Amino acid sequence: MRTWLLRLRNERALTQEDVAARTGIQRAYYTQIENGTRNPSVTVARRLADVLGCMWTLFFDHSRCEMTHKTMDADSDNRGRN
């Protein structure tokens, strides 16, 4: 599961249907991407990144994805304390 992707979508108050419609893909395909059972094409990854405000390469770099996810969590925690 791409928990970082779910978190980004929820932070923007978007449904899976919203993201799918904005990127021109089927909701079922987006669900598979979010669940980690399918990888998007580069074109779709770029569209998703535009909608969700992330780097499109996160969809293909699993080690960086996890590191970025942890860093983003730490940044969120720090913002809440200031």
C-alpha atoms as a PDB file:
ATOM      1  CA  MET A   1       0.000   0.000   0.000  1.00  0.00           C
ATOM      2  CA  ARG A   2       1.231   3.475  -0.839  1.00  0.00           C
ATOM      3  CA  THR A   3       0.277   5.124   2.437  1.00  0.00           C
ATOM      4  CA  TRP A   4       2.030   8.331   1.372  1.00  0.00           C
ATOM      5  CA  LEU A   5      -0.285   8.544  -1.628  1.00  0.00           C
ATOM      6  CA  LEU A   6      -3.377   7.970   0.491  1.00  0.00           C
ATOM      7  CA  ARG A   7      -2.205  10.656   2.903  1.00  0.00           C
ATOM      8  CA  LEU A   8      -1.619  13.171   0.090  1.00  0.00           C
ATOM      9  CA  ARG A   9      -5.069  12.502  -1.323  1.00  0.00           C
ATOM     10  CA  ASN A  10      -6.737  12.851   2.077  1.00  0.00           C
ATOM     11  CA  GLU A  11      -4.829  16.065   2.858  1.00  0.00           C
ATOM     12  CA  ARG A  12      -6.324  17.559  -0.287  1.00  0.00           C
ATOM     13  CA  ALA A  13      -9.813  16.294   0.630  1.00  0.00           C
ATOM     14  CA  LEU A  14     -10.052  14.348  -2.627  1.00  0.00           C
ATOM     15  CA  THR A  15     -11.789  11.041  -3.245  1.00  0.00           C
ATOM     16  CA  GLN A  16     -10.301   8.339  -5.418  1.00  0.00           C
ATOM     17  CA  GLU A  17     -12.920   9.289  -8.005  1.00  0.00           C
ATOM     18  CA  ASP A  18     -11.788  12.942  -7.869  1.00  0.00           C
ATOM     19  CA  VAL A  19      -8.156  12.018  -8.497  1.00  0.00           C
ATOM     20  CA  ALA A  20      -9.068   9.605 -11.273  1.00  0.00           C
ATOM     21  CA  ALA A  21     -11.259  12.172 -13.019  1.00  0.00           C
ATOM     22  CA  ARG A  22      -8.622  14.894 -12.774  1.00  0.00           C
ATOM     23  CA  THR A  23      -5.964  12.614 -14.233  1.00  0.00           C
ATOM     24  CA  GLY A  24      -8.114  10.992 -16.911  1.00  0.00           C
ATOM     25  CA  ILE A  25      -7.913   7.442 -15.602  1.00  0.00           C
ATOM     26  CA  GLN A  26     -10.470   4.974 -14.281  1.00  0.00           C
ATOM     27  CA  ARG A  27     -11.111   4.953 -10.537  1.00  0.00           C
ATOM     28  CA  ALA A  28     -10.356   1.226 -10.361  1.00  0.00           C
ATOM     29  CA  TYR A  29      -6.917   1.828 -11.919  1.00  0.00           C
ATOM     30  CA  TYR A  30      -6.206   4.633  -9.455  1.00  0.00           C
ATOM     31  CA  THR A  31      -7.268   2.359  -6.572  1.00  0.00           C
ATOM     32  CA  GLN A  32      -4.768  -0.258  -7.750  1.00  0.00           C
ATOM     33  CA  ILE A  33      -2.023   2.386  -7.914  1.00  0.00           C
ATOM     34  CA  GLU A  34      -2.850   3.607  -4.410  1.00  0.00           C
ATOM     35  CA  ASN A  35      -2.972   0.040  -3.089  1.00  0.00           C
ATOM     36  CA  GLY A  36       0.404  -0.685  -4.692  1.00  0.00           C
ATOM     37  CA  THR A  37      -0.852  -3.531  -6.873  1.00  0.00           C
ATOM     38  CA  ARG A  38      -0.122  -1.590 -10.092  1.00  0.00           C
ATOM     39  CA  ASN A  39       2.413   0.998 -11.101  1.00  0.00           C
ATOM     40  CA  PRO A  40       1.367   3.956 -13.220  1.00  0.00           C
ATOM     41  CA  SER A  41       2.958   4.781 -16.540  1.00  0.00           C
ATOM     42  CA  VAL A  42       5.271   7.791 -16.545  1.00  0.00           C
ATOM     43  CA  THR A  43       2.511   9.853 -18.156  1.00  0.00           C
ATOM     44  CA  VAL A  44      -0.021   8.912 -15.486  1.00  0.00           C
ATOM     45  CA  ALA A  45       2.539   9.377 -12.693  1.00  0.00           C
ATOM     46  CA  ARG A  46       3.172  12.928 -13.917  1.00  0.00           C
ATOM     47  CA  ARG A  47      -0.550  13.689 -13.985  1.00  0.00           C
ATOM     48  CA  LEU A  48      -1.026  12.241 -10.504  1.00  0.00           C
ATOM     49  CA  ALA A  49       1.920  14.272  -9.220  1.00  0.00           C
ATOM     50  CA  ASP A  50       0.394  17.452 -10.646  1.00  0.00           C
ATOM     51  CA  VAL A  51      -2.935  16.785  -8.944  1.00  0.00           C
ATOM     52  CA  LEU A  52      -1.475  15.662  -5.613  1.00  0.00           C
ATOM     53  CA  GLY A  53       1.513  17.995  -5.403  1.00  0.00           C
ATOM     54  CA  CYS A  54       4.338  15.480  -5.238  1.00  0.00           C
ATOM     55  CA  MET A  55       7.269  14.364  -7.360  1.00  0.00           C
ATOM     56  CA  TRP A  56       6.233  11.917 -10.090  1.00  0.00           C
ATOM     57  CA  THR A  57       9.371   9.837  -9.500  1.00  0.00           C
ATOM     58  CA  LEU A  58       8.054   8.733  -6.101  1.00  0.00           C
ATOM     59  CA  PHE A  59       5.914   6.168  -7.880  1.00  0.00           C
ATOM     60  CA  PHE A  60       9.043   4.357  -9.105  1.00  0.00           C
ATOM     61  CA  ASP A  61      11.589   4.767  -6.300  1.00  0.00           C
ATOM     62  CA  HIS A  62      10.388   2.641  -3.399  1.00  0.00           C
ATOM     63  CA  SER A  63      13.320   3.316  -1.076  1.00  0.00           C
ATOM     64  CA  ARG A  64      13.107   7.060  -1.631  1.00  0.00           C
ATOM     65  CA  CYS A  65       9.358   6.908  -1.326  1.00  0.00           C
ATOM     66  CA  GLU A  66       9.584   5.507   2.185  1.00  0.00           C
ATOM     67  CA  MET A  67      12.320   7.968   3.160  1.00  0.00           C
ATOM     68  CA  THR A  68      10.295  10.873   1.786  1.00  0.00           C
ATOM     69  CA  HIS A  69       7.225   9.618   3.604  1.00  0.00           C
ATOM     70  CA  LYS A  70       9.110   9.578   6.923  1.00  0.00           C
ATOM     71  CA  THR A  71      10.602  13.016   6.247  1.00  0.00           C
ATOM     72  CA  MET A  72       7.189  14.427   5.364  1.00  0.00           C
ATOM     73  CA  ASP A  73       5.766  13.004   8.618  1.00  0.00           C
ATOM     74  CA  ALA A  74       8.552  14.642  10.620  1.00  0.00           C
ATOM     75  CA  ASP A  75       7.982  17.956   8.840  1.00  0.00           C
ATOM     76  CA  SER A  76       4.255  17.771   9.575  1.00  0.00           C
ATOM     77  CA  ASP A  77       4.968  17.078  13.247  1.00  0.00           C
ATOM     78  CA  ASN A  78       7.348  20.023  13.455  1.00  0.00           C
ATOM     79  CA  ARG A  79       4.881  22.409  11.791  1.00  0.00           C
ATOM     80  CA  GLY A  80       2.223  21.457  14.298  1.00  0.00           C
ATOM     81  CA  ARG A  81       4.518  22.337  17.200  1.00  0.00           C
ATOM     82  CA  ASN A  82       5.514  25.796  15.991  1.00  0.00           C
END
